[in-house]
């Protein structure tokens, strides 16, 4: 099967039901998406496929038809993506385990809705769990990134 991940083409042999997360982590050594629950409930494995935030543990690699973006593709050299920079500025991460998925979900949100309301942020981010409870900082970082991405 063929996959495009972070702009690079890959050809791999996998079982038809192997989750994309395992194909990336175990077969391609792409470690940005994290394993959290394995059931699509926590969001640690979130990637973007064709503009949509997707739980990579819940989609078979064989079912992926679009380009997959992981957190590893966001920064441009030393320049962080505006969402990553906002995460740093707002000091969002504590343990950091869920943050790759949180950031990818926030990027997908802002690419689809550049100026979300607080309710839209809460709704979009509801599926990404943070055991450290940094939700207020996550919302502040998304607000900050939306301003930066809009060029205001």
N, C-alpha and C. Protein backbone atom coordinates (compact mmCIF):
# COMPACT_ATOMS: atom_id res chain seq x y z
N UNK A 1 0.83 -1.18 0.00
CA UNK A 1 0.00 0.00 0.00
C UNK A 1 0.87 1.24 0.00
N UNK A 2 0.34 2.33 -0.49
CA UNK A 2 1.06 3.60 -0.55
C UNK A 2 0.42 4.61 0.37
N UNK A 3 1.26 5.34 1.08
CA UNK A 3 0.82 6.42 1.96
C UNK A 3 1.67 7.65 1.69
N UNK A 4 1.08 8.82 1.87
CA UNK A 4 1.85 10.06 1.87
C UNK A 4 1.70 10.64 3.26
N UNK A 5 2.82 10.74 3.97
CA UNK A 5 2.82 11.23 5.35
C UNK A 5 3.81 12.37 5.44
N UNK A 6 3.33 13.52 5.87
CA UNK A 6 4.16 14.72 6.01
C UNK A 6 4.89 15.04 4.71
N UNK A 7 4.19 14.83 3.59
CA UNK A 7 4.73 15.17 2.28
C UNK A 7 5.66 14.14 1.67
N UNK A 8 5.90 13.04 2.36
CA UNK A 8 6.82 12.01 1.86
C UNK A 8 6.04 10.75 1.50
N UNK A 9 6.35 10.16 0.34
CA UNK A 9 5.67 8.92 -0.05
C UNK A 9 6.30 7.70 0.64
N UNK A 10 5.45 6.77 1.03
CA UNK A 10 5.88 5.52 1.65
C UNK A 10 5.12 4.37 0.99
N UNK A 11 5.79 3.25 0.84
CA UNK A 11 5.16 2.01 0.39
C UNK A 11 5.45 0.97 1.46
N UNK A 12 4.38 0.40 2.01
CA UNK A 12 4.53 -0.61 3.06
C UNK A 12 3.55 -1.75 2.84
N UNK A 13 3.89 -2.88 3.40
CA UNK A 13 3.00 -4.05 3.41
C UNK A 13 2.43 -4.16 4.81
N UNK A 14 1.11 -4.07 4.92
CA UNK A 14 0.46 -4.18 6.23
C UNK A 14 -0.78 -5.04 6.11
N UNK A 15 -1.20 -5.57 7.25
CA UNK A 15 -2.48 -6.27 7.30
C UNK A 15 -3.58 -5.26 7.00
N UNK A 16 -4.67 -5.66 6.36
CA UNK A 16 -5.72 -4.70 5.99
C UNK A 16 -6.32 -3.93 7.16
N UNK A 17 -6.30 -4.51 8.37
CA UNK A 17 -6.92 -3.84 9.50
C UNK A 17 -5.92 -3.16 10.43
N UNK A 18 -4.63 -3.10 10.04
CA UNK A 18 -3.64 -2.44 10.91
C UNK A 18 -3.95 -0.96 11.02
N UNK A 19 -4.08 -0.44 12.25
CA UNK A 19 -4.34 0.99 12.41
C UNK A 19 -3.19 1.84 11.84
N UNK A 20 -3.56 2.98 11.31
CA UNK A 20 -2.58 3.91 10.78
C UNK A 20 -1.52 4.24 11.83
N UNK A 21 -1.93 4.41 13.09
CA UNK A 21 -0.99 4.73 14.16
C UNK A 21 0.14 3.71 14.21
N UNK A 22 -0.20 2.42 14.17
CA UNK A 22 0.85 1.38 14.26
C UNK A 22 1.69 1.34 13.01
N UNK A 23 1.07 1.56 11.85
CA UNK A 23 1.86 1.60 10.61
C UNK A 23 2.89 2.71 10.69
N UNK A 24 2.46 3.89 11.18
CA UNK A 24 3.40 5.02 11.28
C UNK A 24 4.48 4.74 12.33
N UNK A 25 4.08 4.37 13.53
CA UNK A 25 5.04 4.23 14.64
C UNK A 25 5.92 3.00 14.49
N UNK A 26 5.33 1.84 14.18
CA UNK A 26 6.08 0.60 14.21
C UNK A 26 6.77 0.27 12.88
N UNK A 27 6.16 0.64 11.78
CA UNK A 27 6.73 0.26 10.49
C UNK A 27 7.54 1.38 9.84
N UNK A 28 7.13 2.64 10.10
CA UNK A 28 7.78 3.77 9.44
C UNK A 28 8.60 4.63 10.41
N UNK A 29 8.58 4.30 11.68
CA UNK A 29 9.34 5.02 12.71
C UNK A 29 8.96 6.50 12.80
N UNK A 30 7.69 6.80 12.56
CA UNK A 30 7.16 8.15 12.69
C UNK A 30 6.54 8.23 14.07
N UNK A 31 7.20 8.90 15.00
CA UNK A 31 6.84 8.84 16.41
C UNK A 31 6.06 10.06 16.91
N UNK A 32 5.69 11.01 16.05
CA UNK A 32 4.94 12.18 16.51
C UNK A 32 3.60 11.84 17.12
N UNK A 33 2.74 11.08 16.43
CA UNK A 33 1.47 10.68 17.04
C UNK A 33 1.73 9.69 18.17
N UNK A 34 1.05 9.88 19.28
CA UNK A 34 1.25 9.05 20.46
C UNK A 34 0.12 8.04 20.61
N UNK A 35 0.43 6.90 21.24
CA UNK A 35 -0.60 5.94 21.62
C UNK A 35 -1.15 6.36 22.97
N UNK A 36 -2.46 6.50 23.04
CA UNK A 36 -3.08 6.84 24.32
C UNK A 36 -4.01 5.73 24.77
N UNK A 37 -5.13 5.58 24.09
CA UNK A 37 -6.14 4.62 24.52
C UNK A 37 -6.35 3.48 23.53
N UNK A 38 -6.04 3.71 22.27
CA UNK A 38 -6.25 2.68 21.25
C UNK A 38 -7.69 2.54 20.80
N UNK A 39 -8.56 3.39 21.31
CA UNK A 39 -9.99 3.30 20.97
C UNK A 39 -10.55 4.60 20.39
N UNK A 40 -9.69 5.56 20.08
CA UNK A 40 -10.14 6.82 19.51
C UNK A 40 -10.81 7.75 20.49
N UNK A 41 -10.60 7.53 21.78
CA UNK A 41 -11.30 8.30 22.81
C UNK A 41 -10.49 9.44 23.40
N UNK A 42 -9.16 9.38 23.33
CA UNK A 42 -8.35 10.37 24.05
C UNK A 42 -7.75 11.44 23.14
N UNK A 43 -7.50 11.12 21.87
CA UNK A 43 -6.98 12.10 20.93
C UNK A 43 -5.47 12.23 20.87
N UNK A 44 -4.72 11.45 21.65
CA UNK A 44 -3.26 11.57 21.64
C UNK A 44 -2.66 11.24 20.27
N UNK A 45 -3.37 10.44 19.49
CA UNK A 45 -2.86 9.98 18.20
C UNK A 45 -3.37 10.83 17.03
N UNK A 46 -3.96 11.98 17.30
CA UNK A 46 -4.60 12.78 16.26
C UNK A 46 -3.62 13.22 15.19
N UNK A 47 -4.03 13.02 13.94
CA UNK A 47 -3.33 13.50 12.75
C UNK A 47 -4.35 14.25 11.91
N UNK A 48 -3.90 14.90 10.86
CA UNK A 48 -4.81 15.58 9.94
C UNK A 48 -4.75 14.84 8.61
N UNK A 49 -5.92 14.44 8.12
CA UNK A 49 -6.03 13.81 6.81
C UNK A 49 -7.02 14.63 6.00
N UNK A 50 -6.52 15.19 4.90
CA UNK A 50 -7.36 16.02 4.03
C UNK A 50 -8.11 17.10 4.81
N UNK A 51 -7.42 17.75 5.75
CA UNK A 51 -7.98 18.87 6.48
C UNK A 51 -8.77 18.52 7.73
N UNK A 52 -9.01 17.24 7.96
CA UNK A 52 -9.81 16.82 9.10
C UNK A 52 -8.95 16.15 10.17
N UNK A 53 -9.23 16.48 11.43
CA UNK A 53 -8.56 15.80 12.54
C UNK A 53 -9.10 14.38 12.62
N UNK A 54 -8.17 13.41 12.64
CA UNK A 54 -8.53 11.99 12.63
C UNK A 54 -7.73 11.27 13.70
N UNK A 55 -8.37 10.36 14.41
CA UNK A 55 -7.68 9.53 15.40
C UNK A 55 -6.99 8.40 14.63
N UNK A 56 -5.67 8.43 14.59
CA UNK A 56 -4.94 7.45 13.76
C UNK A 56 -5.00 6.04 14.32
N UNK A 57 -5.43 5.87 15.57
CA UNK A 57 -5.59 4.52 16.12
C UNK A 57 -6.89 3.89 15.66
N UNK A 58 -7.80 4.69 15.10
CA UNK A 58 -9.14 4.21 14.76
C UNK A 58 -9.40 4.12 13.27
N UNK A 59 -8.38 4.33 12.45
CA UNK A 59 -8.54 4.19 11.01
C UNK A 59 -7.48 3.22 10.52
N UNK A 60 -7.90 2.27 9.72
CA UNK A 60 -6.95 1.31 9.16
C UNK A 60 -6.06 2.03 8.15
N UNK A 61 -4.79 1.71 8.18
CA UNK A 61 -3.85 2.32 7.24
C UNK A 61 -4.32 2.09 5.81
N UNK A 62 -4.88 0.93 5.53
CA UNK A 62 -5.34 0.59 4.19
C UNK A 62 -6.51 1.47 3.74
N UNK A 63 -7.21 2.09 4.68
CA UNK A 63 -8.36 2.94 4.34
C UNK A 63 -7.98 4.40 4.10
N UNK A 64 -6.72 4.74 4.32
CA UNK A 64 -6.29 6.13 4.15
C UNK A 64 -6.08 6.42 2.68
N UNK A 65 -6.77 7.43 2.18
CA UNK A 65 -6.63 7.80 0.77
C UNK A 65 -5.99 9.17 0.58
N UNK A 66 -6.01 10.01 1.59
CA UNK A 66 -5.45 11.35 1.47
C UNK A 66 -4.10 11.46 2.13
N UNK A 67 -3.54 12.66 2.06
CA UNK A 67 -2.25 12.92 2.70
C UNK A 67 -2.42 13.04 4.20
N UNK A 68 -1.52 12.41 4.92
CA UNK A 68 -1.53 12.43 6.39
C UNK A 68 -0.51 13.47 6.86
N UNK A 69 -0.96 14.33 7.77
CA UNK A 69 -0.05 15.31 8.38
C UNK A 69 0.07 14.99 9.86
N UNK A 70 1.31 14.95 10.35
CA UNK A 70 1.55 14.75 11.77
C UNK A 70 2.19 16.01 12.33
N UNK A 71 2.35 16.04 13.63
CA UNK A 71 2.97 17.20 14.27
C UNK A 71 4.39 17.43 13.75
N UNK A 72 5.02 16.40 13.23
CA UNK A 72 6.39 16.52 12.73
C UNK A 72 6.49 17.40 11.49
N UNK A 73 5.35 17.68 10.86
CA UNK A 73 5.37 18.49 9.63
C UNK A 73 5.06 19.96 9.88
N UNK A 74 4.74 20.35 11.10
CA UNK A 74 4.25 21.71 11.34
C UNK A 74 5.34 22.78 11.31
N UNK A 75 6.43 22.56 12.00
CA UNK A 75 7.49 23.58 12.07
C UNK A 75 8.20 23.68 10.72
N UNK A 76 8.63 24.86 10.40
CA UNK A 76 9.42 25.09 9.19
C UNK A 76 10.83 25.46 9.63
N UNK A 77 11.71 24.48 9.66
CA UNK A 77 13.06 24.71 10.18
C UNK A 77 12.98 25.04 11.66
N UNK A 78 13.54 26.18 12.02
CA UNK A 78 13.52 26.61 13.42
C UNK A 78 12.24 27.36 13.78
N UNK A 79 11.43 27.71 12.78
CA UNK A 79 10.21 28.48 13.00
C UNK A 79 9.04 27.55 13.32
N UNK A 80 8.51 27.69 14.51
CA UNK A 80 7.37 26.89 14.91
C UNK A 80 6.10 27.34 14.19
N UNK A 81 5.19 26.42 14.00
CA UNK A 81 3.86 26.75 13.50
C UNK A 81 3.21 27.69 14.53
N UNK A 82 2.35 28.60 14.11
CA UNK A 82 1.72 29.52 15.08
C UNK A 82 1.02 28.81 16.25
N UNK A 83 0.44 27.64 16.02
CA UNK A 83 -0.20 26.93 17.13
C UNK A 83 0.87 26.41 18.09
N UNK A 84 1.95 25.88 17.57
CA UNK A 84 3.04 25.43 18.44
C UNK A 84 3.61 26.59 19.25
N UNK A 85 3.80 27.73 18.60
CA UNK A 85 4.35 28.89 19.28
C UNK A 85 3.40 29.38 20.37
N UNK A 86 2.11 29.38 20.07
CA UNK A 86 1.12 29.79 21.08
C UNK A 86 1.14 28.82 22.26
N UNK A 87 1.32 27.55 22.00
CA UNK A 87 1.41 26.55 23.07
C UNK A 87 2.60 26.89 23.98
N UNK A 88 3.71 27.27 23.38
CA UNK A 88 4.89 27.64 24.16
C UNK A 88 4.62 28.93 24.93
N UNK A 89 4.09 29.94 24.24
CA UNK A 89 3.85 31.24 24.87
C UNK A 89 2.89 31.13 26.06
N UNK A 90 1.89 30.30 25.92
CA UNK A 90 0.88 30.14 26.97
C UNK A 90 1.27 29.07 27.99
N UNK A 91 2.41 28.43 27.78
CA UNK A 91 2.92 27.38 28.68
C UNK A 91 1.84 26.32 28.93
N UNK A 92 1.30 25.80 27.85
CA UNK A 92 0.20 24.85 27.93
C UNK A 92 0.65 23.52 28.53
N UNK A 93 1.72 22.97 28.02
CA UNK A 93 2.08 21.59 28.39
C UNK A 93 2.56 21.46 29.82
N UNK A 94 2.10 20.40 30.45
CA UNK A 94 2.66 20.00 31.75
C UNK A 94 3.41 18.70 31.50
N UNK A 95 2.72 17.58 31.49
CA UNK A 95 3.43 16.33 31.19
C UNK A 95 3.74 16.25 29.71
N UNK A 96 2.86 16.82 28.87
CA UNK A 96 3.10 16.91 27.44
C UNK A 96 2.64 15.74 26.61
N UNK A 97 2.21 14.65 27.22
CA UNK A 97 1.91 13.45 26.44
C UNK A 97 0.81 13.66 25.41
N UNK A 98 -0.23 14.37 25.76
CA UNK A 98 -1.36 14.56 24.85
C UNK A 98 -1.15 15.70 23.87
N UNK A 99 -0.11 16.45 24.04
CA UNK A 99 0.01 17.72 23.33
C UNK A 99 0.13 17.60 21.81
N UNK A 100 0.77 16.56 21.30
CA UNK A 100 0.85 16.41 19.84
C UNK A 100 -0.56 16.31 19.25
N UNK A 101 -1.40 15.49 19.89
CA UNK A 101 -2.78 15.36 19.42
C UNK A 101 -3.58 16.63 19.62
N UNK A 102 -3.38 17.29 20.75
CA UNK A 102 -4.08 18.55 21.00
C UNK A 102 -3.72 19.58 19.93
N UNK A 103 -2.44 19.70 19.65
CA UNK A 103 -1.97 20.69 18.67
C UNK A 103 -2.52 20.37 17.28
N UNK A 104 -2.48 19.10 16.87
CA UNK A 104 -2.99 18.76 15.54
C UNK A 104 -4.49 19.03 15.45
N UNK A 105 -5.22 18.76 16.51
CA UNK A 105 -6.65 19.05 16.51
C UNK A 105 -6.89 20.56 16.40
N UNK A 106 -6.09 21.35 17.13
CA UNK A 106 -6.21 22.81 17.07
C UNK A 106 -5.85 23.34 15.68
N UNK A 107 -4.83 22.78 15.05
CA UNK A 107 -4.46 23.20 13.69
C UNK A 107 -5.62 22.93 12.74
N UNK A 108 -6.19 21.73 12.81
CA UNK A 108 -7.32 21.40 11.93
C UNK A 108 -8.48 22.36 12.18
N UNK A 109 -8.76 22.66 13.44
CA UNK A 109 -9.83 23.61 13.77
C UNK A 109 -9.57 24.95 13.11
N UNK A 110 -8.38 25.51 13.32
CA UNK A 110 -8.08 26.86 12.83
C UNK A 110 -7.95 26.92 11.31
N UNK A 111 -7.54 25.85 10.69
CA UNK A 111 -7.50 25.84 9.23
C UNK A 111 -8.90 25.82 8.64
N UNK A 112 -9.84 25.22 9.35
CA UNK A 112 -11.22 25.18 8.88
C UNK A 112 -12.07 26.34 9.37
N UNK A 113 -11.67 26.95 10.48
CA UNK A 113 -12.43 28.04 11.09
C UNK A 113 -11.42 28.99 11.73
N UNK A 114 -10.95 30.00 11.00
CA UNK A 114 -9.87 30.85 11.49
C UNK A 114 -10.20 31.69 12.72
N UNK A 115 -11.47 31.87 13.01
CA UNK A 115 -11.84 32.70 14.15
C UNK A 115 -12.96 32.03 14.94
N UNK A 116 -12.66 30.89 15.59
CA UNK A 116 -13.72 30.17 16.29
C UNK A 116 -14.16 30.86 17.57
N UNK A 117 -15.41 30.69 17.91
CA UNK A 117 -15.92 31.18 19.19
C UNK A 117 -15.43 30.25 20.29
N UNK A 118 -15.58 30.68 21.53
CA UNK A 118 -15.21 29.83 22.66
C UNK A 118 -15.98 28.51 22.63
N UNK A 119 -17.24 28.57 22.23
CA UNK A 119 -18.05 27.36 22.15
C UNK A 119 -17.54 26.44 21.04
N UNK A 120 -17.14 27.00 19.91
CA UNK A 120 -16.61 26.19 18.82
C UNK A 120 -15.27 25.56 19.20
N UNK A 121 -14.45 26.29 19.94
CA UNK A 121 -13.19 25.72 20.42
C UNK A 121 -13.49 24.56 21.35
N UNK A 122 -14.38 24.77 22.30
CA UNK A 122 -14.72 23.71 23.27
C UNK A 122 -15.26 22.48 22.55
N UNK A 123 -16.13 22.69 21.58
CA UNK A 123 -16.72 21.57 20.85
C UNK A 123 -15.65 20.82 20.04
N UNK A 124 -14.80 21.56 19.34
CA UNK A 124 -13.77 20.93 18.50
C UNK A 124 -12.73 20.18 19.33
N UNK A 125 -12.41 20.70 20.50
CA UNK A 125 -11.35 20.10 21.32
C UNK A 125 -11.87 19.08 22.33
N UNK A 126 -13.18 18.89 22.39
CA UNK A 126 -13.77 18.02 23.41
C UNK A 126 -13.25 16.59 23.35
N UNK A 127 -12.89 16.11 22.20
CA UNK A 127 -12.43 14.73 22.07
C UNK A 127 -10.97 14.52 22.41
N UNK A 128 -10.26 15.57 22.75
CA UNK A 128 -8.85 15.45 23.13
C UNK A 128 -8.75 15.63 24.64
N UNK A 129 -8.31 14.59 25.31
CA UNK A 129 -8.25 14.60 26.76
C UNK A 129 -6.86 14.99 27.26
N UNK A 130 -6.84 15.75 28.35
CA UNK A 130 -5.60 16.17 29.00
C UNK A 130 -5.71 15.81 30.47
N UNK A 131 -4.92 14.84 30.89
CA UNK A 131 -4.98 14.41 32.29
C UNK A 131 -4.47 15.49 33.23
N UNK A 132 -3.69 16.43 32.72
CA UNK A 132 -3.16 17.50 33.57
C UNK A 132 -4.15 18.65 33.72
N UNK A 133 -5.22 18.64 32.91
CA UNK A 133 -6.26 19.66 33.04
C UNK A 133 -5.88 21.03 32.53
N UNK A 134 -5.11 21.10 31.46
CA UNK A 134 -4.66 22.40 30.96
C UNK A 134 -5.65 23.04 29.98
N UNK A 135 -6.90 22.68 30.08
CA UNK A 135 -7.91 23.16 29.13
C UNK A 135 -7.99 24.69 29.02
N UNK A 136 -7.95 25.45 30.12
CA UNK A 136 -7.99 26.92 29.96
C UNK A 136 -6.78 27.45 29.17
N UNK A 137 -5.63 26.86 29.38
CA UNK A 137 -4.44 27.29 28.64
C UNK A 137 -4.53 26.87 27.17
N UNK A 138 -5.12 25.72 26.92
CA UNK A 138 -5.32 25.26 25.54
C UNK A 138 -6.21 26.26 24.80
N UNK A 139 -7.31 26.66 25.43
CA UNK A 139 -8.22 27.63 24.79
C UNK A 139 -7.50 28.95 24.56
N UNK A 140 -6.72 29.42 25.52
CA UNK A 140 -5.98 30.67 25.35
C UNK A 140 -4.96 30.56 24.21
N UNK A 141 -4.32 29.42 24.10
CA UNK A 141 -3.34 29.24 23.03
C UNK A 141 -4.02 29.22 21.66
N UNK A 142 -5.18 28.60 21.58
CA UNK A 142 -5.91 28.58 20.30
C UNK A 142 -6.35 29.99 19.92
N UNK A 143 -6.83 30.75 20.89
CA UNK A 143 -7.20 32.15 20.63
C UNK A 143 -5.98 32.93 20.09
N UNK A 144 -4.84 32.78 20.77
CA UNK A 144 -3.62 33.48 20.38
C UNK A 144 -3.18 33.07 18.97
N UNK A 145 -3.21 31.78 18.70
CA UNK A 145 -2.81 31.27 17.38
C UNK A 145 -3.75 31.77 16.29
N UNK A 146 -5.04 31.88 16.60
CA UNK A 146 -6.00 32.33 15.58
C UNK A 146 -5.68 33.76 15.16
N UNK A 147 -5.28 34.58 16.11
CA UNK A 147 -4.90 35.96 15.80
C UNK A 147 -3.63 35.96 14.94
N UNK A 148 -2.65 35.17 15.33
CA UNK A 148 -1.40 35.10 14.59
C UNK A 148 -1.61 34.57 13.17
N UNK A 149 -2.42 33.54 13.04
CA UNK A 149 -2.65 32.94 11.73
C UNK A 149 -3.45 33.87 10.82
N UNK A 150 -4.28 34.73 11.42
CA UNK A 150 -5.05 35.69 10.64
C UNK A 150 -4.21 36.89 10.23
N UNK A 151 -3.03 37.02 10.83
CA UNK A 151 -2.15 38.14 10.50
C UNK A 151 -2.61 39.45 11.10
N UNK A 152 -3.42 39.37 12.14
CA UNK A 152 -3.94 40.59 12.79
C UNK A 152 -2.90 41.14 13.73
